[in-house]
Amino acid sequence: MEKVVERNPVIEKKSVNNIMIALYAFVIISFFITIVDIIIRFPLQSEMIDYNDIQAILINVLALLIQIVSFAYGFVNAIRGMLSPKRMGAVITAFFAATCITGTGNMVIYSNVQIVLWWIVLIIPNIVGAVATFAYFVLGKKSKIYSIIIYLVAIWGMFRIIYFQL
């Protein structure tokens, strides 16, 4: 049996596809810059660094590498003109999963209340976003509830980033 490649591009206009390619490139470059920043800011030769610092660095770099690989996958498919809804869904699902990894790696645990709040603020929304994205894009379940969940999780993520940066 011959294997059929899915050729249902998400973006049909060439100019819009070029913008998507530029956005993917920008995201990939920003993640590389973040990795370099992490490595520069935490000198591993320091005697003051301990196991927890190394663990946090490795978890953050691992999550960033997962995001780089997933966005590079989207970037390559966008360049080829083969960025289908399933492939785009895989990229977004990997992003949500990597955000969960980063969130659990950065948990500072002083009390059980903080652990619960961290799960409510970061981990659960990203898990829900990953599941909804996978169901909507990859499995093709075009239910309105999945798109609403994806919008809400994305808006929550933007709000969380803006609020915690201030």
Protein backbone atom coordinates (compact mmCIF):
# COMPACT_ATOMS: atom_id res chain seq x y z
CA MET A 1 0.00 0.00 0.00
CA GLU A 2 1.32 3.43 -0.94
CA LYS A 3 1.79 5.94 1.84
CA VAL A 4 -0.03 9.22 1.21
CA VAL A 5 1.54 12.35 2.65
CA GLU A 6 -0.96 14.75 4.16
CA ARG A 7 -0.94 17.82 1.94
CA ASN A 8 -3.51 20.09 3.50
CA PRO A 9 -1.57 23.28 4.22
CA VAL A 10 -2.75 25.45 7.07
CA ILE A 11 -1.77 28.62 5.22
CA GLU A 12 -2.45 28.88 1.51
CA LYS A 13 -1.24 32.45 0.78
CA LYS A 14 2.49 32.72 0.10
CA SER A 15 2.88 36.05 1.94
CA VAL A 16 1.16 34.76 5.07
CA ASN A 17 3.26 31.59 4.94
CA ASN A 18 6.40 33.76 4.80
CA ILE A 19 5.23 35.58 7.93
CA MET A 20 4.69 32.20 9.62
CA ILE A 21 8.20 31.12 8.63
CA ALA A 22 9.62 34.35 10.08
CA LEU A 23 7.69 33.82 13.32
CA TYR A 24 8.99 30.25 13.64
CA ALA A 25 12.53 31.48 12.99
CA PHE A 26 12.14 34.25 15.58
CA VAL A 27 10.89 31.80 18.21
CA ILE A 28 13.72 29.34 17.54
CA ILE A 29 16.35 32.10 17.74
CA SER A 30 14.85 33.45 20.97
CA PHE A 31 14.99 29.98 22.54
CA PHE A 32 18.66 29.64 21.53
CA ILE A 33 19.38 33.06 23.03
CA THR A 34 17.62 31.97 26.24
CA ILE A 35 19.79 28.85 26.46
CA VAL A 36 22.94 30.95 26.00
CA ASP A 37 21.68 33.36 28.67
CA ILE A 38 21.07 30.48 31.11
CA ILE A 39 24.55 29.11 30.53
CA ILE A 40 26.19 32.52 30.91
CA ARG A 41 24.29 33.47 34.08
CA PHE A 42 25.02 30.24 35.94
CA PRO A 43 28.74 29.58 35.89
CA LEU A 44 29.10 25.89 36.64
CA GLN A 45 32.64 26.35 37.94
CA SER A 46 31.43 28.35 40.92
CA GLU A 47 31.80 26.76 44.35
CA MET A 48 28.49 28.30 45.43
CA ILE A 49 26.42 26.31 42.95
CA ASP A 50 24.70 23.22 44.30
CA TYR A 51 22.74 20.27 42.97
CA ASN A 52 19.41 22.16 42.93
CA ASP A 53 20.88 24.89 40.72
CA ILE A 54 22.27 22.35 38.26
CA GLN A 55 18.95 20.50 38.24
CA ALA A 56 17.03 23.71 37.49
CA ILE A 57 19.45 24.60 34.70
CA LEU A 58 19.20 21.16 33.11
CA ILE A 59 15.40 21.07 33.29
CA ASN A 60 15.10 24.54 31.74
CA VAL A 61 17.58 23.71 28.98
CA LEU A 62 15.80 20.38 28.32
CA ALA A 63 12.44 22.12 27.99
CA LEU A 64 13.95 24.75 25.70
CA LEU A 65 15.53 22.04 23.54
CA ILE A 66 12.16 20.29 23.24
CA GLN A 67 10.62 23.59 22.17
CA ILE A 68 13.43 24.26 19.68
CA VAL A 69 13.01 20.82 18.11
CA SER A 70 9.23 21.14 17.90
CA PHE A 71 9.32 24.66 16.45
CA ALA A 72 12.10 23.62 14.04
CA TYR A 73 9.78 20.84 12.88
CA GLY A 74 7.08 23.44 12.21
CA PHE A 75 9.65 25.74 10.59
CA VAL A 76 10.85 23.07 8.16
CA ASN A 77 7.31 22.05 7.26
CA ALA A 78 6.32 25.69 6.74
CA ILE A 79 9.29 26.20 4.39
CA ARG A 80 8.32 23.08 2.44
CA GLY A 81 4.71 24.27 2.30
CA MET A 82 3.56 21.14 4.11
CA LEU A 83 2.48 22.60 7.45
CA SER A 84 -0.77 20.72 7.94
CA PRO A 85 -3.15 21.08 10.91
CA LYS A 86 -1.81 17.82 12.37
CA ARG A 87 1.77 19.00 12.18
CA MET A 88 0.90 22.40 13.62
CA GLY A 89 -0.99 20.65 16.42
CA ALA A 90 2.07 18.54 17.19
CA VAL A 91 4.17 21.71 17.51
CA ILE A 92 1.68 23.40 19.83
CA THR A 93 1.21 20.24 21.93
CA ALA A 94 4.98 19.95 22.37
CA PHE A 95 5.09 23.60 23.45
CA PHE A 96 2.47 23.03 26.16
CA ALA A 97 4.25 19.86 27.33
CA ALA A 98 7.61 21.63 27.51
CA THR A 99 6.02 24.44 29.51
CA CYS A 100 4.83 21.83 32.01
CA ILE A 101 8.38 20.45 32.26
CA THR A 102 9.79 23.92 32.84
CA GLY A 103 7.11 24.67 35.43
CA THR A 104 7.79 21.56 37.49
CA GLY A 105 11.52 22.17 37.30
CA ASN A 106 11.23 25.71 38.61
CA MET A 107 8.99 24.93 41.57
CA VAL A 108 10.27 26.44 44.77
CA ILE A 109 8.65 24.43 47.51
CA TYR A 110 8.12 26.15 50.83
CA SER A 111 4.65 24.83 51.60
CA ASN A 112 1.91 22.59 50.27
CA VAL A 113 -0.17 25.65 49.45
CA GLN A 114 2.52 26.86 47.06
CA ILE A 115 2.61 23.46 45.34
CA VAL A 116 -1.16 23.50 44.85
CA LEU A 117 -1.11 27.09 43.58
CA TRP A 118 1.73 26.29 41.17
CA TRP A 119 -0.25 23.36 39.78
CA ILE A 120 -3.38 25.51 39.41
CA VAL A 121 -1.56 28.45 37.82
CA LEU A 122 0.85 26.63 35.50
CA ILE A 123 0.75 22.86 35.26
CA ILE A 124 -2.97 22.06 34.95
CA PRO A 125 -3.70 24.77 32.32
CA ASN A 126 -0.81 23.55 30.18
CA ILE A 127 -1.84 19.90 30.47
CA VAL A 128 -5.41 20.86 29.50
CA GLY A 129 -4.03 22.96 26.63
CA ALA A 130 -1.87 20.10 25.37
CA VAL A 131 -4.77 17.62 25.48
CA ALA A 132 -7.19 20.06 23.80
CA THR A 133 -4.64 20.93 21.10
CA PHE A 134 -3.88 17.27 20.44
CA ALA A 135 -7.58 16.42 20.22
CA TYR A 136 -8.45 19.40 18.02
CA PHE A 137 -5.55 19.38 15.57
CA VAL A 138 -4.05 15.90 15.57
CA LEU A 139 -7.14 13.76 16.18
CA GLY A 140 -9.33 16.11 14.14
CA LYS A 141 -12.09 16.48 16.73
CA LYS A 142 -13.40 19.85 15.61
CA SER A 143 -15.66 20.37 18.61
CA LYS A 144 -16.10 24.00 19.64
CA ILE A 145 -15.12 23.20 23.24
CA TYR A 146 -11.56 22.31 22.19
CA SER A 147 -11.03 25.58 20.35
CA ILE A 148 -12.44 27.53 23.32
CA ILE A 149 -10.12 25.67 25.71
CA ILE A 150 -7.11 26.42 23.49
CA TYR A 151 -8.04 30.13 23.39
CA LEU A 152 -8.54 30.27 27.16
CA VAL A 153 -5.26 28.51 27.92
CA ALA A 154 -3.39 30.80 25.50
CA ILE A 155 -4.96 33.91 27.04
CA TRP A 156 -4.22 32.58 30.54
CA GLY A 157 -0.60 31.96 29.54
CA MET A 158 -0.19 35.50 28.21
CA PHE A 159 -1.81 36.95 31.33
CA ARG A 160 0.40 34.80 33.57
CA ILE A 161 3.58 35.88 31.77
CA ILE A 162 2.65 39.57 31.87
CA TYR A 163 1.49 39.45 35.52
CA PHE A 164 4.52 37.57 36.85
CA GLN A 165 6.97 39.78 34.93
CA LEU A 166 5.71 42.95 36.60
